[in-house]
Amino acid sequence: MVIDQVLVLYTEFMPYNLAAFNSLSWITGATVHVVYWDFRKVSPYVPKEVAGIKFIPRSASNHKSLKQLIDLIDPDFIFVSGWRDKLYLRLAFTARLSGIPVIVGMDNKWERSFRQILFSIAAKVLHRFFFSGAFVPGKSQYQFARKLGFTPSQIRTGAYTADTACFWQERKVPFRKEILFIGRLTPIKGIDSLVTCFLKLSEEVKFTDWKLIVVGTGPMQDSLPISPRIQYKGFLNQQEIALLAQEVSFFCLPSLAEPWGLVVHEMAAAGVPLLLSSACGSAEDFLVDGYNGYYINPKDEQGLSSGLGKMMELSNEELVNMGERSRELSTKNSPAIWSHSLMSLAGFKDI
């Protein structure tokens, strides 16, 4: 079976998405048309066209222009990133009437909230009018997709993949005594607790030579404490982050809530030990407690402090071993695996 044209209706497009769709285009030879949000962005990243991928800003699109695009390219399947955009839903409905497979990507965990229960009741009837399958990151999202009425054969996991080739680089030993945080600087990411705990620990004699490296921007960037032991890097691209990851001792993400957290896969692929909140969805794939890092309770600041101290006391040899195990776990997904999962879900299994 041949795939010639694919239409992607996306919200905010990120660098790791480019690696995934570039792989899809390379494997199939198809042209991938990507409509992406160029507004309400949380990242300054702007995608640039590469061979096999054509980008269309959402602000320059409407129902008529996108319907004309669908009629023109006659896509083999459509991938929609979520339920948020009403225009995308209208197009999905029309495409399904025409018999085009439409895959929805969703990263919401099943949390048994009253809102989710109501939504799942309605979706069991309605989802089939919009989508033929659901592409989800992990087990928790799989459960939600089942509650929405998708059958097991209509669901695939692995909806987020790091650009593993970018991060699979040789780690430098010995490591610098540095802790790496990457994420939006918002309370939900736990950055305030991380900074507070680190500064307290760094006052202890055995930890005075440690530093915390903070990568990211957000509403808290001007209110976090200033210290010579903390470096605020702002926004960095993937290549810059991959270089930074070569030398740090471990990565910490203490989020209070994190449906997935693609950065965890990136750090695992880079061979970095992990200290992760148990609320982080991607930890279920890329962290084995005590094997390549440790879990921390997102609501327990003392637990975060203890976890940091435990990691900071590890020897270089122990960090090397944990890093190698992180890299081993990172192979569960890649742009190539992602592409074949998506194609399989759309009904193309012979490529």
Protein backbone atom coordinates (compact mmCIF):
# COMPACT_ATOMS: atom_id res chain seq x y z
CA MET A 1 0.00 0.00 0.00
CA VAL A 2 1.33 3.42 -0.98
CA ILE A 3 1.03 6.65 0.96
CA ASP A 4 1.32 9.72 -1.24
CA GLN A 5 -0.22 12.62 0.71
CA VAL A 6 -0.75 13.19 4.43
CA LEU A 7 -2.53 16.14 6.05
CA VAL A 8 -1.63 17.15 9.61
CA LEU A 9 -3.87 19.57 11.54
CA TYR A 10 -1.71 20.61 14.48
CA THR A 11 -1.74 23.03 17.38
CA GLU A 12 1.73 24.28 18.36
CA PHE A 13 4.42 22.60 16.28
CA MET A 14 7.67 21.82 18.12
CA PRO A 15 11.15 20.74 16.93
CA TYR A 16 10.59 17.11 17.96
CA ASN A 17 7.47 17.07 15.77
CA LEU A 18 9.66 17.93 12.80
CA ALA A 19 11.82 14.85 13.41
CA ALA A 20 8.72 12.64 13.57
CA PHE A 21 7.03 13.95 10.43
CA ASN A 22 10.32 14.10 8.56
CA SER A 23 10.72 10.40 9.32
CA LEU A 24 7.17 9.73 8.09
CA SER A 25 7.89 11.53 4.82
CA TRP A 26 11.22 9.75 4.37
CA ILE A 27 9.81 6.26 5.04
CA THR A 28 6.76 6.66 2.80
CA GLY A 29 7.96 9.16 0.21
CA ALA A 30 4.79 11.12 0.93
CA THR A 31 4.35 14.89 1.06
CA VAL A 32 3.23 15.89 4.55
CA HIS A 33 1.12 19.06 4.68
CA VAL A 34 1.18 20.58 8.17
CA VAL A 35 -1.30 23.23 9.29
CA TYR A 36 0.04 24.66 12.55
CA TRP A 37 -0.92 27.26 15.13
CA ASP A 38 1.15 30.41 14.73
CA PHE A 39 -0.68 32.09 17.63
CA ARG A 40 -1.14 31.35 21.36
CA LYS A 41 2.39 29.96 21.30
CA VAL A 42 4.42 29.06 24.39
CA SER A 43 7.65 28.65 22.40
CA PRO A 44 9.40 31.00 19.97
CA TYR A 45 10.08 28.10 17.60
CA VAL A 46 8.87 28.67 14.02
CA PRO A 47 9.00 25.64 11.69
CA LYS A 48 10.77 25.94 8.36
CA GLU A 49 9.98 23.85 5.32
CA VAL A 50 12.16 20.88 4.55
CA ALA A 51 11.98 18.38 1.72
CA GLY A 52 8.73 16.45 1.93
CA ILE A 53 7.02 18.75 4.45
CA LYS A 54 4.93 21.83 3.62
CA PHE A 55 3.81 24.20 6.39
CA ILE A 56 0.62 26.25 6.38
CA PRO A 57 0.03 28.80 9.19
CA ARG A 58 -3.33 28.38 10.89
CA SER A 59 -3.89 32.16 10.80
CA ALA A 60 -3.77 32.04 7.00
CA SER A 61 -6.34 29.23 6.82
CA ASN A 62 -10.09 28.90 7.00
CA HIS A 63 -12.61 26.16 6.36
CA LYS A 64 -12.87 26.94 2.65
CA SER A 65 -9.11 26.99 2.00
CA LEU A 66 -8.44 23.81 3.97
CA LYS A 67 -11.40 22.00 2.37
CA GLN A 68 -9.96 22.97 -1.01
CA LEU A 69 -6.59 21.60 0.09
CA ILE A 70 -8.17 18.29 1.08
CA ASP A 71 -9.96 18.08 -2.28
CA LEU A 72 -6.73 18.92 -4.10
CA ILE A 73 -4.31 16.52 -2.39
CA ASP A 74 -6.84 13.78 -1.49
CA PRO A 75 -4.86 12.73 1.61
CA ASP A 76 -4.39 9.06 2.40
CA PHE A 77 -5.05 9.96 6.04
CA ILE A 78 -5.34 12.98 8.33
CA PHE A 79 -3.71 13.41 11.72
CA VAL A 80 -5.36 15.88 14.12
CA SER A 81 -3.57 16.91 17.33
CA GLY A 82 -6.43 16.95 19.78
CA TRP A 83 -9.99 18.21 20.12
CA ARG A 84 -9.33 21.90 20.82
CA ASP A 85 -9.64 23.46 17.36
CA LYS A 86 -13.24 23.58 16.11
CA LEU A 87 -12.14 24.13 12.52
CA TYR A 88 -10.05 20.98 12.67
CA LEU A 89 -13.05 19.07 14.03
CA ARG A 90 -15.24 20.29 11.15
CA LEU A 91 -12.67 19.10 8.66
CA ALA A 92 -12.32 15.76 10.45
CA PHE A 93 -16.09 15.24 10.28
CA THR A 94 -16.17 15.99 6.54
CA ALA A 95 -13.17 13.74 5.89
CA ARG A 96 -14.75 10.83 7.74
CA LEU A 97 -17.90 11.19 5.59
CA SER A 98 -15.60 10.81 2.58
CA GLY A 99 -14.02 7.66 4.03
CA ILE A 100 -10.63 9.20 4.83
CA PRO A 101 -8.97 7.77 7.96
CA VAL A 102 -8.63 10.49 10.62
CA ILE A 103 -6.34 9.89 13.60
CA VAL A 104 -6.59 12.02 16.74
CA GLY A 105 -3.61 12.60 18.99
CA MET A 106 -4.43 13.00 22.68
CA ASP A 107 -2.29 13.21 25.81
CA ASN A 108 -4.92 13.59 28.54
CA LYS A 109 -4.62 11.07 31.33
CA TRP A 110 -7.66 9.21 32.61
CA GLU A 111 -8.17 10.84 36.02
CA ARG A 112 -11.83 9.89 36.67
CA SER A 113 -12.86 13.53 37.02
CA PHE A 114 -16.54 14.43 36.74
CA ARG A 115 -15.83 16.36 33.55
CA GLN A 116 -13.98 13.42 32.00
CA ILE A 117 -16.79 11.03 32.89
CA LEU A 118 -19.38 13.28 31.22
CA PHE A 119 -17.15 13.75 28.19
CA SER A 120 -16.54 10.03 27.86
CA ILE A 121 -20.27 9.30 27.87
CA ALA A 122 -20.86 11.69 24.97
CA ALA A 123 -17.68 10.71 23.12
CA LYS A 124 -18.58 7.01 23.02
CA VAL A 125 -21.23 7.95 20.48
CA LEU A 126 -19.66 10.99 18.84
CA HIS A 127 -15.99 10.02 18.37
CA ARG A 128 -16.70 7.71 15.43
CA PHE A 129 -18.10 10.64 13.43
CA PHE A 130 -14.77 12.47 13.71
CA PHE A 131 -11.98 9.93 14.20
CA SER A 132 -11.07 6.43 13.12
CA GLY A 133 -8.27 5.99 15.64
CA ALA A 134 -6.44 7.51 18.61
CA PHE A 135 -2.67 7.96 18.92
CA VAL A 136 -1.71 8.36 22.60
CA PRO A 137 1.59 8.64 24.50
CA GLY A 138 1.23 5.97 27.20
CA LYS A 139 -0.85 3.71 29.41
CA SER A 140 -2.83 6.41 31.23
CA GLN A 141 -3.86 8.02 27.95
CA TYR A 142 -4.69 4.58 26.54
CA GLN A 143 -7.18 4.12 29.39
CA PHE A 144 -8.80 7.46 28.56
CA ALA A 145 -9.07 6.55 24.88
CA ARG A 146 -10.79 3.29 25.85
CA LYS A 147 -13.24 5.25 28.02
CA LEU A 148 -14.01 7.43 24.99
CA GLY A 149 -15.10 4.36 23.05
CA PHE A 150 -12.04 3.55 20.96
CA THR A 151 -11.43 -0.19 20.69
CA PRO A 152 -7.94 -1.65 21.37
CA SER A 153 -7.35 -2.03 17.61
CA GLN A 154 -8.13 1.68 17.16
CA ILE A 155 -5.44 2.84 19.62
CA ARG A 156 -1.65 2.99 19.45
CA THR A 157 0.75 4.25 22.12
CA GLY A 158 3.96 6.16 21.47
CA ALA A 159 2.39 9.39 20.19
CA TYR A 160 5.37 11.50 21.32
CA THR A 161 8.92 10.78 20.32
CA ALA A 162 12.16 12.66 20.85
CA ASP A 163 14.53 13.44 18.02
CA THR A 164 16.68 10.57 19.26
CA ALA A 165 19.41 11.08 16.64
CA CYS A 166 19.96 14.62 17.91
CA PHE A 167 20.37 13.53 21.55
CA TRP A 168 22.23 10.26 21.08
CA GLN A 169 25.70 11.71 21.65
CA GLU A 170 28.73 10.60 23.65
CA ARG A 171 28.61 11.73 27.27
CA LYS A 172 31.69 13.43 28.69
CA VAL A 173 33.16 11.95 31.88
CA PRO A 174 33.67 13.07 34.60
CA PHE A 175 30.42 14.96 34.70
CA ARG A 176 30.16 18.52 35.89
CA LYS A 177 28.40 18.84 39.23
CA GLU A 178 25.30 20.30 37.61
CA ILE A 179 21.60 19.56 37.80
CA LEU A 180 19.60 20.29 34.66
CA PHE A 181 15.99 21.51 34.54
CA ILE A 182 14.21 22.09 31.22
CA GLY A 183 10.65 23.38 31.02
CA ARG A 184 8.26 26.28 31.19
CA LEU A 185 8.94 28.47 34.21
CA THR A 186 5.52 28.08 35.78
CA PRO A 187 4.39 26.83 39.22
CA ILE A 188 2.95 23.64 37.71
CA LYS A 189 6.48 22.57 36.70
CA GLY A 190 7.67 22.76 40.31
CA ILE A 191 10.55 25.06 39.42
CA ASP A 192 10.06 27.22 42.53
CA SER A 193 10.36 24.18 44.82
CA LEU A 194 13.38 22.92 42.89
CA VAL A 195 15.21 26.25 43.24
CA THR A 196 14.33 26.51 46.95
CA CYS A 197 15.47 22.97 47.75
CA PHE A 198 18.64 23.30 45.72
CA LEU A 199 19.70 26.56 47.36
CA LYS A 200 19.24 25.03 50.82
CA LEU A 201 21.26 21.95 49.87
CA SER A 202 24.01 24.03 48.27
CA GLU A 203 24.71 25.60 51.67
CA GLU A 204 25.96 22.22 52.93
CA VAL A 205 29.74 21.86 52.67
CA LYS A 206 29.57 18.72 50.53
CA PHE A 207 27.31 20.41 47.95
CA THR A 208 28.79 23.92 47.70
CA ASP A 209 30.37 23.19 44.30
CA TRP A 210 27.09 22.14 42.67
CA LYS A 211 25.10 24.28 40.22
CA LEU A 212 21.53 24.25 38.94
CA ILE A 213 21.08 24.89 35.20
CA VAL A 214 17.60 26.17 34.28
CA VAL A 215 16.52 26.10 30.64
CA GLY A 216 13.23 27.68 29.65
CA THR A 217 11.11 30.80 29.78
CA GLY A 218 7.77 31.62 31.35
CA PRO A 219 5.85 33.86 33.73
CA MET A 220 8.16 33.10 36.69
CA GLN A 221 11.43 33.95 34.97
CA ASP A 222 11.74 37.38 36.61
CA SER A 223 10.71 36.25 40.09
CA LEU A 224 12.98 33.26 40.70
CA PRO A 225 15.94 33.78 43.10
CA ILE A 226 19.23 35.03 41.69
CA SER A 227 22.30 33.11 42.84
CA PRO A 228 25.81 32.43 41.50
CA ARG A 229 24.92 28.73 41.93
CA ILE A 230 22.00 28.97 39.47
CA GLN A 231 22.36 29.61 35.73
CA TYR A 232 19.26 30.72 33.84
CA LYS A 233 19.76 29.89 30.17
CA GLY A 234 16.41 31.00 28.74
CA PHE A 235 15.22 29.28 25.57
CA LEU A 236 17.65 26.87 23.90
CA ASN A 237 17.17 24.88 20.72
CA GLN A 238 17.49 21.10 20.62
CA GLN A 239 21.10 21.10 19.45
CA GLU A 240 22.11 23.41 22.30
CA ILE A 241 20.26 21.27 24.84
CA ALA A 242 21.88 18.11 23.47
CA LEU A 243 25.32 19.65 23.99
CA LEU A 244 24.41 20.75 27.52
CA ALA A 245 23.18 17.25 28.37
CA GLN A 246 26.60 15.75 27.58
CA GLU A 247 28.15 17.06 30.79
CA VAL A 248 25.48 17.49 33.49
CA SER A 249 25.19 14.92 36.28
CA PHE A 250 21.43 14.42 36.14
CA PHE A 251 18.11 15.86 35.00
CA CYS A 252 15.29 16.87 37.37
CA LEU A 253 11.65 17.51 36.50
CA PRO A 254 9.54 17.97 39.70
CA SER A 255 6.23 18.82 37.96
CA LEU A 256 3.03 18.91 39.98
CA ALA A 257 1.19 17.76 36.85
CA GLU A 258 2.65 16.53 33.57
CA PRO A 259 0.46 14.59 31.09
CA TRP A 260 3.59 13.33 29.35
CA GLY A 261 6.81 15.37 29.27
CA LEU A 262 8.69 14.77 26.02
CA VAL A 263 11.85 16.25 27.51
CA VAL A 264 12.23 13.09 29.63
CA HIS A 265 12.64 11.00 26.46
CA GLU A 266 15.19 13.53 25.17
CA MET A 267 17.22 13.29 28.37
CA ALA A 268 17.00 9.49 28.40
CA ALA A 269 18.23 9.39 24.78
CA ALA A 270 21.10 11.67 25.82
CA GLY A 271 22.10 9.14 28.48
CA VAL A 272 21.27 11.32 31.49
CA PRO A 273 20.15 9.92 34.90
CA LEU A 274 16.65 11.07 35.87
CA LEU A 275 14.99 12.46 39.00
CA LEU A 276 11.30 12.76 38.12
CA SER A 277 8.00 13.61 39.69
CA SER A 278 5.65 10.64 39.90
CA ALA A 279 3.11 12.91 38.15
CA CYS A 280 5.21 12.85 34.98
CA GLY A 281 3.49 10.62 32.42
CA SER A 282 6.60 9.74 30.41
CA ALA A 283 8.31 8.41 33.55
CA GLU A 284 6.28 5.22 33.10
CA ASP A 285 8.33 4.49 29.97
CA PHE A 286 11.70 6.01 30.70
CA LEU A 287 12.33 5.71 34.45
CA VAL A 288 12.79 2.58 36.53
CA ASP A 289 13.15 3.66 40.15
CA GLY A 290 16.64 2.87 41.43
CA TYR A 291 17.81 1.72 37.98
CA ASN A 292 18.36 4.93 36.03
CA GLY A 293 17.20 7.44 38.64
CA TYR A 294 14.49 7.98 41.21
CA TYR A 295 10.88 9.05 41.61
CA ILE A 296 9.88 11.95 43.85
CA ASN A 297 6.49 12.93 45.23
CA PRO A 298 5.46 16.17 43.49
CA LYS A 299 3.69 17.44 46.61
CA ASP A 300 6.50 16.66 49.07
CA GLU A 301 9.22 19.33 49.14
CA GLN A 302 11.20 17.34 51.70
CA GLY A 303 11.07 14.35 49.37
CA LEU A 304 12.39 16.52 46.54
CA SER A 305 15.25 17.69 48.75
CA SER A 306 16.07 14.10 49.74
CA GLY A 307 15.97 12.99 46.11
CA LEU A 308 18.31 15.77 45.05
CA GLY A 309 20.72 14.91 47.85
CA LYS A 310 20.68 11.23 46.96
CA MET A 311 21.51 11.96 43.33
CA MET A 312 24.19 14.53 44.23
CA GLU A 313 25.98 11.96 46.38
CA LEU A 314 26.31 9.40 43.55
CA SER A 315 29.78 8.70 42.19
CA ASN A 316 30.71 9.29 38.57
CA GLU A 317 30.67 5.54 38.01
CA GLU A 318 27.14 5.26 39.38
CA LEU A 319 26.01 8.19 37.24
CA VAL A 320 27.58 6.60 34.15
CA ASN A 321 25.73 3.34 34.80
CA MET A 322 22.42 5.13 35.33
CA GLY A 323 22.96 7.16 32.17
CA GLU A 324 23.58 4.06 30.09
CA ARG A 325 20.37 2.55 31.46
CA SER A 326 18.46 5.74 30.56
CA ARG A 327 19.70 5.42 27.00
CA GLU A 328 18.67 1.77 26.93
CA LEU A 329 15.14 2.71 28.01
CA SER A 330 14.99 5.53 25.45
CA THR A 331 14.96 3.01 22.58
CA LYS A 332 11.30 2.20 23.31
CA ASN A 333 10.42 4.93 20.83
CA SER A 334 12.01 6.84 17.95
CA PRO A 335 10.81 8.82 14.91
CA ALA A 336 10.89 5.62 12.84
CA ILE A 337 8.87 3.62 15.38
CA TRP A 338 6.48 6.57 15.71
CA SER A 339 5.97 6.70 11.93
CA HIS A 340 5.19 3.01 11.60
CA SER A 341 2.77 3.17 14.57
CA LEU A 342 0.88 6.05 12.98
CA MET A 343 0.78 4.35 9.57
CA SER A 344 -0.47 1.13 11.14
CA LEU A 345 -3.24 3.01 12.94
CA ALA A 346 -4.29 4.62 9.66
CA GLY A 347 -4.53 1.17 8.06
CA PHE A 348 -1.22 1.10 6.17
CA LYS A 349 0.63 -1.99 7.37
CA ASP A 350 2.53 -3.19 4.32
CA ILE A 351 5.10 -0.39 3.94
